[in-house]
Amino acid sequence: MTTTRILALVGSLRAASINRQLAETAVQTAPAGVEITLYEGLADIPFYNEDLDVPGEVPPAAQALRNAVAESDGLLFVTPEYNGTLPGVLKNAIDWASRPYGVGALQGKPAAVVSASISPRAAQWAHGDTVKSLGVAGASVVESAHLHFATIGERFGSTHPREDAEALTKLAATVHELVEATQGQFATV
């Protein structure tokens, strides 16, 4: 049996962020044969700049991201909302992973988006912008895997999402849909 590898990218760099906790909970929901890894190097990647994107000279942190994306079967993006849109660190990761244009590591890769915010809107603007950016960049966005969490400060302020049965169930369903999309991708190759 082969292992399905999912790479999770979290838009909040804060160690105790609830978005990170949601990603950790998604890892916990992975069924047998699925491995979800949280990417830990987003803060180290320089802003995308074509002057830096030269074959053989790509900054090591950016190349490590490209390699991790290329080696994964699917991607799980977990995004908060900063000033009505996705965090710059997540957009920067999408920019680096999408290059070289048309053949970047992101090309055709199944991707799901989970958004979470303290507001009742559940970071839906950030979610929409992440979906748009991924689609334009060439990823295969898995619409059925989308998930939104609202008022997370109240909901998860005193407990970790892994202790919330509904959050576990919804994250497991998102992971399931993403895994199904990766398997569908292999069936058509």
N, C-alpha and C. Protein backbone atom coordinates (compact mmCIF):
# COMPACT_ATOMS: atom_id res chain seq x y z
N MET A 1 0.84 -1.18 0.00
CA MET A 1 0.00 0.00 0.00
C MET A 1 0.88 1.24 0.00
N THR A 2 0.56 2.17 -0.88
CA THR A 2 1.33 3.41 -0.93
C THR A 2 0.73 4.43 0.03
N THR A 3 1.56 5.32 0.47
CA THR A 3 1.13 6.37 1.39
C THR A 3 0.77 7.61 0.59
N THR A 4 -0.36 8.22 0.89
CA THR A 4 -0.75 9.50 0.31
C THR A 4 -0.17 10.58 1.19
N ARG A 5 0.62 11.46 0.58
CA ARG A 5 1.31 12.51 1.33
C ARG A 5 0.63 13.86 1.11
N ILE A 6 0.14 14.44 2.20
CA ILE A 6 -0.49 15.75 2.17
C ILE A 6 0.42 16.74 2.89
N LEU A 7 0.66 17.87 2.27
CA LEU A 7 1.47 18.92 2.87
C LEU A 7 0.53 20.03 3.33
N ALA A 8 0.60 20.39 4.60
CA ALA A 8 -0.24 21.46 5.16
C ALA A 8 0.59 22.72 5.31
N LEU A 9 0.05 23.82 4.79
CA LEU A 9 0.69 25.13 4.90
C LEU A 9 -0.24 26.04 5.69
N VAL A 10 0.29 26.61 6.77
CA VAL A 10 -0.52 27.43 7.68
C VAL A 10 -0.12 28.89 7.50
N GLY A 11 -1.12 29.74 7.29
CA GLY A 11 -0.88 31.16 7.03
C GLY A 11 -0.52 31.98 8.25
N SER A 12 -0.67 31.43 9.45
CA SER A 12 -0.27 32.14 10.66
C SER A 12 1.06 31.58 11.14
N LEU A 13 2.01 32.46 11.39
CA LEU A 13 3.32 32.01 11.86
C LEU A 13 3.39 31.89 13.38
N ARG A 14 2.37 32.37 14.06
CA ARG A 14 2.36 32.36 15.52
C ARG A 14 2.26 30.93 16.03
N ALA A 15 3.15 30.54 16.93
CA ALA A 15 3.21 29.17 17.43
C ALA A 15 1.90 28.68 18.04
N ALA A 16 1.20 29.56 18.74
CA ALA A 16 -0.03 29.15 19.42
C ALA A 16 -1.29 29.51 18.64
N SER A 17 -1.16 29.78 17.35
CA SER A 17 -2.33 30.21 16.58
C SER A 17 -3.36 29.09 16.48
N ILE A 18 -4.61 29.49 16.48
CA ILE A 18 -5.69 28.51 16.36
C ILE A 18 -5.67 27.91 14.96
N ASN A 19 -5.24 28.68 13.96
CA ASN A 19 -5.12 28.11 12.62
C ASN A 19 -4.11 26.97 12.61
N ARG A 20 -3.01 27.16 13.30
CA ARG A 20 -2.02 26.08 13.40
C ARG A 20 -2.62 24.89 14.15
N GLN A 21 -3.38 25.17 15.20
CA GLN A 21 -4.02 24.09 15.95
C GLN A 21 -5.01 23.31 15.07
N LEU A 22 -5.71 24.02 14.19
CA LEU A 22 -6.61 23.33 13.25
C LEU A 22 -5.81 22.43 12.31
N ALA A 23 -4.67 22.90 11.84
CA ALA A 23 -3.82 22.07 10.99
C ALA A 23 -3.30 20.85 11.76
N GLU A 24 -2.91 21.05 13.01
CA GLU A 24 -2.46 19.93 13.84
C GLU A 24 -3.59 18.92 14.03
N THR A 25 -4.81 19.42 14.17
CA THR A 25 -5.96 18.54 14.32
C THR A 25 -6.21 17.77 13.03
N ALA A 26 -6.04 18.42 11.89
CA ALA A 26 -6.18 17.73 10.61
C ALA A 26 -5.17 16.58 10.51
N VAL A 27 -3.96 16.81 10.98
CA VAL A 27 -2.94 15.75 10.99
C VAL A 27 -3.46 14.54 11.78
N GLN A 28 -4.07 14.83 12.89
CA GLN A 28 -4.60 13.79 13.78
C GLN A 28 -5.73 13.00 13.11
N THR A 29 -6.44 13.60 12.17
CA THR A 29 -7.58 12.92 11.54
C THR A 29 -7.18 12.06 10.35
N ALA A 30 -5.92 12.10 9.98
CA ALA A 30 -5.49 11.36 8.80
C ALA A 30 -5.75 9.86 8.96
N PRO A 31 -6.43 9.26 8.00
CA PRO A 31 -6.69 7.82 8.08
C PRO A 31 -5.43 7.02 7.76
N ALA A 32 -5.51 5.72 7.95
CA ALA A 32 -4.39 4.84 7.62
C ALA A 32 -4.01 5.05 6.15
N GLY A 33 -2.73 5.10 5.90
CA GLY A 33 -2.24 5.27 4.54
C GLY A 33 -2.12 6.72 4.10
N VAL A 34 -2.44 7.66 5.01
CA VAL A 34 -2.34 9.08 4.69
C VAL A 34 -1.42 9.74 5.72
N GLU A 35 -0.46 10.48 5.23
CA GLU A 35 0.47 11.20 6.08
C GLU A 35 0.33 12.69 5.80
N ILE A 36 0.01 13.46 6.84
CA ILE A 36 -0.08 14.92 6.70
C ILE A 36 1.08 15.53 7.44
N THR A 37 1.83 16.37 6.75
CA THR A 37 2.99 17.04 7.33
C THR A 37 2.77 18.54 7.34
N LEU A 38 2.99 19.18 8.48
CA LEU A 38 2.93 20.63 8.56
C LEU A 38 4.25 21.20 8.06
N TYR A 39 4.17 22.09 7.10
CA TYR A 39 5.38 22.71 6.58
C TYR A 39 5.86 23.75 7.58
N GLU A 40 7.14 23.69 7.92
CA GLU A 40 7.67 24.54 8.98
C GLU A 40 8.60 25.66 8.52
N GLY A 41 8.71 25.93 7.24
CA GLY A 41 9.71 26.91 6.82
C GLY A 41 9.19 28.17 6.14
N LEU A 42 7.90 28.44 6.24
CA LEU A 42 7.35 29.60 5.51
C LEU A 42 7.98 30.93 5.91
N ALA A 43 8.32 31.10 7.17
CA ALA A 43 8.88 32.37 7.64
C ALA A 43 10.28 32.63 7.07
N ASP A 44 10.94 31.60 6.60
CA ASP A 44 12.31 31.73 6.11
C ASP A 44 12.41 32.05 4.61
N ILE A 45 11.29 32.01 3.92
CA ILE A 45 11.30 32.18 2.47
C ILE A 45 11.28 33.67 2.12
N PRO A 46 12.23 34.13 1.31
CA PRO A 46 12.21 35.55 0.93
C PRO A 46 11.00 35.83 0.04
N PHE A 47 10.62 37.11 -0.04
CA PHE A 47 9.54 37.48 -0.94
C PHE A 47 9.91 37.06 -2.35
N TYR A 48 8.90 36.61 -3.10
CA TYR A 48 9.18 36.19 -4.47
C TYR A 48 9.74 37.36 -5.27
N ASN A 49 10.80 37.07 -6.01
CA ASN A 49 11.48 38.06 -6.83
C ASN A 49 12.12 37.29 -7.97
N GLU A 50 11.76 37.63 -9.21
CA GLU A 50 12.33 36.91 -10.35
C GLU A 50 13.84 37.00 -10.40
N ASP A 51 14.41 38.05 -9.84
CA ASP A 51 15.87 38.16 -9.82
C ASP A 51 16.50 37.06 -8.97
N LEU A 52 15.74 36.55 -7.99
CA LEU A 52 16.24 35.47 -7.13
C LEU A 52 15.91 34.10 -7.70
N ASP A 53 14.96 34.05 -8.63
CA ASP A 53 14.47 32.78 -9.17
C ASP A 53 15.26 32.41 -10.42
N VAL A 54 16.52 32.07 -10.18
CA VAL A 54 17.45 31.73 -11.25
C VAL A 54 17.85 30.27 -11.07
N PRO A 55 17.75 29.44 -12.12
CA PRO A 55 18.12 28.03 -11.98
C PRO A 55 19.49 27.86 -11.31
N GLY A 56 19.50 27.00 -10.30
CA GLY A 56 20.73 26.74 -9.56
C GLY A 56 21.03 27.75 -8.48
N GLU A 57 20.27 28.86 -8.43
CA GLU A 57 20.54 29.90 -7.45
C GLU A 57 19.31 30.28 -6.63
N VAL A 58 18.24 29.48 -6.74
CA VAL A 58 17.02 29.75 -5.97
C VAL A 58 17.38 29.69 -4.49
N PRO A 59 16.91 30.64 -3.69
CA PRO A 59 17.22 30.62 -2.25
C PRO A 59 16.85 29.25 -1.66
N PRO A 60 17.69 28.71 -0.80
CA PRO A 60 17.45 27.37 -0.25
C PRO A 60 16.07 27.19 0.39
N ALA A 61 15.57 28.21 1.10
CA ALA A 61 14.27 28.08 1.75
C ALA A 61 13.16 27.97 0.71
N ALA A 62 13.28 28.70 -0.39
CA ALA A 62 12.28 28.63 -1.46
C ALA A 62 12.37 27.29 -2.18
N GLN A 63 13.57 26.80 -2.41
CA GLN A 63 13.74 25.50 -3.06
C GLN A 63 13.21 24.37 -2.18
N ALA A 64 13.41 24.49 -0.88
CA ALA A 64 12.89 23.47 0.04
C ALA A 64 11.37 23.42 -0.04
N LEU A 65 10.72 24.59 -0.12
CA LEU A 65 9.27 24.60 -0.28
C LEU A 65 8.87 23.94 -1.59
N ARG A 66 9.51 24.33 -2.68
CA ARG A 66 9.19 23.72 -3.99
C ARG A 66 9.34 22.21 -3.93
N ASN A 67 10.40 21.74 -3.31
CA ASN A 67 10.62 20.30 -3.22
C ASN A 67 9.52 19.63 -2.41
N ALA A 68 9.15 20.23 -1.28
CA ALA A 68 8.11 19.65 -0.42
C ALA A 68 6.77 19.60 -1.15
N VAL A 69 6.44 20.66 -1.89
CA VAL A 69 5.20 20.68 -2.66
C VAL A 69 5.25 19.61 -3.75
N ALA A 70 6.36 19.53 -4.46
CA ALA A 70 6.50 18.54 -5.54
C ALA A 70 6.39 17.11 -5.02
N GLU A 71 6.91 16.85 -3.83
CA GLU A 71 6.89 15.50 -3.27
C GLU A 71 5.55 15.13 -2.64
N SER A 72 4.66 16.09 -2.49
CA SER A 72 3.35 15.81 -1.89
C SER A 72 2.36 15.37 -2.97
N ASP A 73 1.32 14.69 -2.51
CA ASP A 73 0.24 14.30 -3.42
C ASP A 73 -0.89 15.32 -3.41
N GLY A 74 -0.98 16.09 -2.34
CA GLY A 74 -2.03 17.10 -2.20
C GLY A 74 -1.61 18.13 -1.17
N LEU A 75 -2.31 19.26 -1.19
CA LEU A 75 -1.97 20.38 -0.31
C LEU A 75 -3.18 20.83 0.48
N LEU A 76 -2.95 21.11 1.75
CA LEU A 76 -3.98 21.64 2.64
C LEU A 76 -3.53 23.01 3.11
N PHE A 77 -4.26 24.05 2.72
CA PHE A 77 -3.95 25.41 3.14
C PHE A 77 -4.89 25.79 4.27
N VAL A 78 -4.32 26.30 5.36
CA VAL A 78 -5.12 26.75 6.51
C VAL A 78 -4.82 28.23 6.67
N THR A 79 -5.85 29.06 6.47
CA THR A 79 -5.60 30.50 6.43
C THR A 79 -6.46 31.30 7.40
N PRO A 80 -5.81 32.19 8.14
CA PRO A 80 -6.55 33.23 8.85
C PRO A 80 -6.85 34.34 7.85
N GLU A 81 -7.44 35.41 8.33
CA GLU A 81 -7.71 36.57 7.47
C GLU A 81 -7.02 37.78 8.07
N TYR A 82 -6.13 38.37 7.29
CA TYR A 82 -5.43 39.57 7.71
C TYR A 82 -5.88 40.72 6.82
N ASN A 83 -6.52 41.73 7.41
CA ASN A 83 -6.98 42.90 6.67
C ASN A 83 -7.81 42.52 5.44
N GLY A 84 -8.66 41.53 5.62
CA GLY A 84 -9.60 41.16 4.58
C GLY A 84 -9.06 40.26 3.48
N THR A 85 -7.88 39.68 3.67
CA THR A 85 -7.32 38.81 2.65
C THR A 85 -6.40 37.77 3.28
N LEU A 86 -5.78 36.95 2.44
CA LEU A 86 -4.88 35.93 2.96
C LEU A 86 -3.57 36.57 3.43
N PRO A 87 -2.90 35.93 4.38
CA PRO A 87 -1.62 36.44 4.87
C PRO A 87 -0.56 36.44 3.76
N GLY A 88 0.31 37.42 3.80
CA GLY A 88 1.38 37.52 2.80
C GLY A 88 2.26 36.29 2.75
N VAL A 89 2.50 35.66 3.89
CA VAL A 89 3.38 34.49 3.92
C VAL A 89 2.78 33.33 3.10
N LEU A 90 1.46 33.21 3.10
CA LEU A 90 0.81 32.15 2.33
C LEU A 90 0.81 32.50 0.84
N LYS A 91 0.56 33.76 0.51
CA LYS A 91 0.61 34.19 -0.89
C LYS A 91 2.01 34.02 -1.44
N ASN A 92 3.01 34.34 -0.64
CA ASN A 92 4.39 34.19 -1.06
C ASN A 92 4.72 32.71 -1.35
N ALA A 93 4.22 31.82 -0.52
CA ALA A 93 4.44 30.38 -0.74
C ALA A 93 3.81 29.94 -2.06
N ILE A 94 2.61 30.43 -2.33
CA ILE A 94 1.94 30.10 -3.59
C ILE A 94 2.76 30.63 -4.76
N ASP A 95 3.28 31.85 -4.64
CA ASP A 95 4.08 32.43 -5.72
C ASP A 95 5.32 31.60 -6.01
N TRP A 96 6.06 31.22 -4.98
CA TRP A 96 7.27 30.42 -5.19
C TRP A 96 6.93 29.03 -5.74
N ALA A 97 5.89 28.39 -5.21
CA ALA A 97 5.55 27.02 -5.64
C ALA A 97 4.96 26.98 -7.05
N SER A 98 4.50 28.12 -7.56
CA SER A 98 3.89 28.14 -8.88
C SER A 98 4.90 28.35 -10.00
N ARG A 99 6.12 28.68 -9.66
CA ARG A 99 7.14 28.96 -10.67
C ARG A 99 8.06 27.77 -10.85
N PRO A 100 8.65 27.55 -12.02
CA PRO A 100 8.48 28.31 -13.24
C PRO A 100 7.05 28.18 -13.78
N TYR A 101 6.58 29.26 -14.39
CA TYR A 101 5.22 29.36 -14.86
C TYR A 101 4.84 28.14 -15.72
N GLY A 102 3.70 27.55 -15.37
CA GLY A 102 3.17 26.44 -16.13
C GLY A 102 3.72 25.08 -15.78
N VAL A 103 4.84 25.03 -15.10
CA VAL A 103 5.44 23.74 -14.73
C VAL A 103 5.92 23.71 -13.28
N GLY A 104 5.48 24.69 -12.48
CA GLY A 104 5.88 24.75 -11.08
C GLY A 104 5.34 23.56 -10.30
N ALA A 105 5.84 23.38 -9.10
CA ALA A 105 5.45 22.25 -8.25
C ALA A 105 3.96 22.24 -7.93
N LEU A 106 3.32 23.38 -8.01
CA LEU A 106 1.90 23.52 -7.69
C LEU A 106 1.00 23.06 -8.85
N GLN A 107 1.54 22.99 -10.04
CA GLN A 107 0.77 22.70 -11.25
C GLN A 107 -0.01 21.38 -11.13
N GLY A 108 -1.34 21.48 -11.20
CA GLY A 108 -2.20 20.31 -11.16
C GLY A 108 -2.33 19.63 -9.81
N LYS A 109 -1.71 20.18 -8.79
CA LYS A 109 -1.72 19.57 -7.46
C LYS A 109 -3.07 19.80 -6.79
N PRO A 110 -3.77 18.75 -6.32
CA PRO A 110 -5.02 18.95 -5.59
C PRO A 110 -4.76 19.77 -4.32
N ALA A 111 -5.62 20.76 -4.09
CA ALA A 111 -5.46 21.64 -2.93
C ALA A 111 -6.81 21.93 -2.30
N ALA A 112 -6.83 21.92 -0.97
CA ALA A 112 -8.02 22.26 -0.20
C ALA A 112 -7.69 23.45 0.68
N VAL A 113 -8.72 24.25 0.98
CA VAL A 113 -8.52 25.44 1.80
C VAL A 113 -9.45 25.41 3.01
N VAL A 114 -8.84 25.59 4.19
CA VAL A 114 -9.58 25.75 5.44
C VAL A 114 -9.32 27.17 5.90
N SER A 115 -10.39 27.90 6.23
CA SER A 115 -10.21 29.26 6.73
C SER A 115 -10.80 29.36 8.12
N ALA A 116 -10.18 30.22 8.94
CA ALA A 116 -10.64 30.39 10.32
C ALA A 116 -10.34 31.79 10.79
N SER A 117 -11.32 32.36 11.50
CA SER A 117 -11.17 33.74 11.95
C SER A 117 -11.95 33.97 13.23
N ILE A 118 -11.58 35.02 13.93
CA ILE A 118 -12.33 35.40 15.12
C ILE A 118 -13.67 36.03 14.75
N SER A 119 -13.80 36.43 13.50
CA SER A 119 -15.04 37.09 13.07
C SER A 119 -16.11 36.05 12.71
N PRO A 120 -17.36 36.46 12.65
CA PRO A 120 -18.42 35.54 12.23
C PRO A 120 -18.35 35.20 10.74
N ARG A 121 -17.55 35.93 9.98
CA ARG A 121 -17.42 35.66 8.54
C ARG A 121 -16.50 34.48 8.23
N ALA A 122 -15.81 33.97 9.22
CA ALA A 122 -14.97 32.77 9.07
C ALA A 122 -13.86 32.92 8.03
N ALA A 123 -13.31 34.11 7.93
CA ALA A 123 -12.19 34.38 7.00
C ALA A 123 -12.56 34.05 5.56
N GLN A 124 -13.80 34.28 5.19
CA GLN A 124 -14.24 33.91 3.85
C GLN A 124 -13.57 34.74 2.76
N TRP A 125 -13.18 35.98 3.04
CA TRP A 125 -12.46 36.75 2.02
C TRP A 125 -11.07 36.15 1.81
N ALA A 126 -10.40 35.82 2.89
CA ALA A 126 -9.08 35.18 2.77
C ALA A 126 -9.22 33.84 2.05
N HIS A 127 -10.28 33.12 2.40
CA HIS A 127 -10.53 31.83 1.76
C HIS A 127 -10.68 32.02 0.25
N GLY A 128 -11.54 32.97 -0.14
CA GLY A 128 -11.77 33.22 -1.56
C GLY A 128 -10.51 33.64 -2.29
N ASP A 129 -9.71 34.50 -1.65
CA ASP A 129 -8.47 34.95 -2.28
C ASP A 129 -7.45 33.81 -2.38
N THR A 130 -7.43 32.92 -1.40
CA THR A 130 -6.52 31.77 -1.46
C THR A 130 -6.94 30.84 -2.59
N VAL A 131 -8.23 30.57 -2.69
CA VAL A 131 -8.74 29.71 -3.76
C VAL A 131 -8.42 30.33 -5.12
N LYS A 132 -8.66 31.63 -5.26
CA LYS A 132 -8.37 32.31 -6.53
C LYS A 132 -6.89 32.22 -6.87
N SER A 133 -6.04 32.52 -5.91
CA SER A 133 -4.60 32.50 -6.15
C SER A 133 -4.12 31.10 -6.53
N LEU A 134 -4.62 30.09 -5.82
CA LEU A 134 -4.23 28.71 -6.14
C LEU A 134 -4.69 28.32 -7.54
N GLY A 135 -5.91 28.68 -7.89
CA GLY A 135 -6.44 28.34 -9.21
C GLY A 135 -5.65 29.00 -10.33
N VAL A 136 -5.36 30.30 -10.17
CA VAL A 136 -4.58 31.02 -11.17
C VAL A 136 -3.17 30.43 -11.26
N ALA A 137 -2.63 29.99 -10.14
CA ALA A 137 -1.27 29.44 -10.10
C ALA A 137 -1.19 28.02 -10.68
N GLY A 138 -2.35 27.41 -10.96
CA GLY A 138 -2.32 26.10 -11.61
C GLY A 138 -2.68 24.92 -10.74
N ALA A 139 -2.98 25.15 -9.47
CA ALA A 139 -3.38 24.03 -8.60
C ALA A 139 -4.78 23.55 -9.00
N SER A 140 -5.10 22.35 -8.61
CA SER A 140 -6.43 21.79 -8.83
C SER A 140 -7.20 21.95 -7.51
N VAL A 141 -7.98 23.02 -7.42
CA VAL A 141 -8.66 23.34 -6.17
C VAL A 141 -9.84 22.38 -5.98
N VAL A 142 -9.87 21.74 -4.81
CA VAL A 142 -10.90 20.76 -4.48
C VAL A 142 -12.03 21.48 -3.74
N GLU A 143 -13.02 21.92 -4.48
CA GLU A 143 -14.12 22.71 -3.91
C GLU A 143 -14.84 21.97 -2.79
N SER A 144 -15.03 20.67 -2.93
CA SER A 144 -15.79 19.90 -1.93
C SER A 144 -15.04 19.76 -0.60
N ALA A 145 -13.78 20.13 -0.59
CA ALA A 145 -12.97 20.01 0.64
C ALA A 145 -12.88 21.30 1.43
N HIS A 146 -13.49 22.37 0.95
CA HIS A 146 -13.40 23.65 1.64
C HIS A 146 -14.09 23.59 3.00
N LEU A 147 -13.53 24.36 3.95
CA LEU A 147 -14.06 24.38 5.31
C LEU A 147 -13.82 25.75 5.91
N HIS A 148 -14.79 26.24 6.69
CA HIS A 148 -14.70 27.55 7.33
C HIS A 148 -15.00 27.41 8.82
N PHE A 149 -14.23 28.10 9.65
CA PHE A 149 -14.48 28.17 11.09
C PHE A 149 -14.62 29.64 11.48
N ALA A 150 -15.73 29.97 12.11
CA ALA A 150 -15.99 31.34 12.55
C ALA A 150 -15.82 31.46 14.06
N THR A 151 -15.69 32.67 14.52
CA THR A 151 -15.59 33.02 15.95
C THR A 151 -14.70 32.03 16.72
N ILE A 152 -13.51 31.80 16.17
CA ILE A 152 -12.63 30.79 16.75
C ILE A 152 -12.08 31.19 18.12
N GLY A 153 -12.02 32.47 18.40
CA GLY A 153 -11.56 32.91 19.72
C GLY A 153 -12.49 32.43 20.81
N GLU A 154 -13.77 32.49 20.55
CA GLU A 154 -14.77 32.00 21.51
C GLU A 154 -14.81 30.47 21.51
N ARG A 155 -14.82 29.91 20.31
CA ARG A 155 -14.99 28.46 20.19
C ARG A 155 -13.79 27.68 20.71
N PHE A 156 -12.58 28.14 20.37
CA PHE A 156 -11.38 27.39 20.74
C PHE A 156 -10.48 28.15 21.71
N GLY A 157 -11.01 29.19 22.34
CA GLY A 157 -10.21 30.01 23.24
C GLY A 157 -9.68 29.25 24.44
N SER A 158 -10.44 28.31 24.93
CA SER A 158 -9.98 27.57 26.12
C SER A 158 -9.75 26.09 25.85
N THR A 159 -10.03 25.63 24.64
CA THR A 159 -9.78 24.23 24.29
C THR A 159 -9.13 24.15 22.92
N HIS A 160 -8.36 23.12 22.71
CA HIS A 160 -7.72 22.86 21.42
C HIS A 160 -8.79 22.28 20.49
N PRO A 161 -8.75 22.60 19.19
CA PRO A 161 -9.73 22.05 18.26
C PRO A 161 -9.83 20.52 18.29
N ARG A 162 -8.75 19.83 18.67
CA ARG A 162 -8.79 18.36 18.71
C ARG A 162 -9.77 17.85 19.77
N GLU A 163 -10.17 18.75 20.69
CA GLU A 163 -11.13 18.38 21.74
C GLU A 163 -12.57 18.72 21.34
N ASP A 164 -12.76 19.20 20.12
CA ASP A 164 -14.07 19.60 19.62
C ASP A 164 -14.52 18.55 18.61
N ALA A 165 -15.52 17.75 18.96
CA ALA A 165 -15.96 16.64 18.11
C ALA A 165 -16.38 17.11 16.72
N GLU A 166 -17.09 18.24 16.65
CA GLU A 166 -17.53 18.74 15.35
C GLU A 166 -16.34 19.16 14.49
N ALA A 167 -15.36 19.83 15.08
CA ALA A 167 -14.16 20.24 14.34
C ALA A 167 -13.42 19.01 13.82
N LEU A 168 -13.27 18.00 14.66
CA LEU A 168 -12.61 16.76 14.24
C LEU A 168 -13.34 16.13 13.05
N THR A 169 -14.66 16.06 13.15
CA THR A 169 -15.46 15.45 12.08
C THR A 169 -15.33 16.23 10.78
N LYS A 170 -15.42 17.56 10.87
CA LYS A 170 -15.34 18.38 9.66
C LYS A 170 -13.94 18.35 9.05
N LEU A 171 -12.91 18.38 9.88
CA LEU A 171 -11.54 18.31 9.35
C LEU A 171 -11.29 16.94 8.73
N ALA A 172 -11.78 15.90 9.33
CA ALA A 172 -11.64 14.55 8.76
C ALA A 172 -12.32 14.48 7.40
N ALA A 173 -13.49 15.11 7.27
CA ALA A 173 -14.19 15.11 5.98
C ALA A 173 -13.40 15.88 4.93
N THR A 174 -12.79 16.99 5.33
CA THR A 174 -11.96 17.77 4.40
C THR A 174 -10.77 16.95 3.94
N VAL A 175 -10.09 16.30 4.89
CA VAL A 175 -8.95 15.46 4.54
C VAL A 175 -9.41 14.33 3.61
N HIS A 176 -10.54 13.72 3.91
CA HIS A 176 -11.07 12.64 3.07
C HIS A 176 -11.29 13.13 1.63
N GLU A 177 -11.93 14.28 1.47
CA GLU A 177 -12.19 14.83 0.13
C GLU A 177 -10.89 15.12 -0.61
N LEU A 178 -9.90 15.65 0.10
CA LEU A 178 -8.62 15.95 -0.52
C LEU A 178 -7.92 14.66 -0.95
N VAL A 179 -7.94 13.66 -0.08
CA VAL A 179 -7.31 12.37 -0.42
C VAL A 179 -8.01 11.75 -1.63
N GLU A 180 -9.34 11.81 -1.65
CA GLU A 180 -10.09 11.29 -2.81
C GLU A 180 -9.65 11.98 -4.09
N ALA A 181 -9.44 13.28 -4.03
CA ALA A 181 -9.01 14.03 -5.21
C ALA A 181 -7.62 13.60 -5.65
N THR A 182 -6.74 13.31 -4.70
CA THR A 182 -5.39 12.86 -5.10
C THR A 182 -5.46 11.49 -5.75
N GLN A 183 -6.33 10.64 -5.26
CA GLN A 183 -6.47 9.30 -5.83
C GLN A 183 -7.12 9.37 -7.20
N GLY A 184 -8.06 10.28 -7.36
CA GLY A 184 -8.67 10.49 -8.68
C GLY A 184 -7.66 10.99 -9.69
N GLN A 185 -6.73 11.79 -9.20
CA GLN A 185 -5.67 12.33 -10.07
C GLN A 185 -4.80 11.17 -10.57
N PHE A 186 -4.47 10.22 -9.69
CA PHE A 186 -3.63 9.10 -10.09
C PHE A 186 -4.36 8.20 -11.07
N ALA A 187 -5.69 8.08 -10.93
CA ALA A 187 -6.47 7.20 -11.79
C ALA A 187 -6.51 7.71 -13.23
N THR A 188 -6.35 9.04 -13.41
CA THR A 188 -6.41 9.60 -14.75
C THR A 188 -5.05 9.76 -15.40
N VAL A 189 -3.99 9.47 -14.68
CA VAL A 189 -2.64 9.64 -15.23
C VAL A 189 -2.28 8.47 -16.11
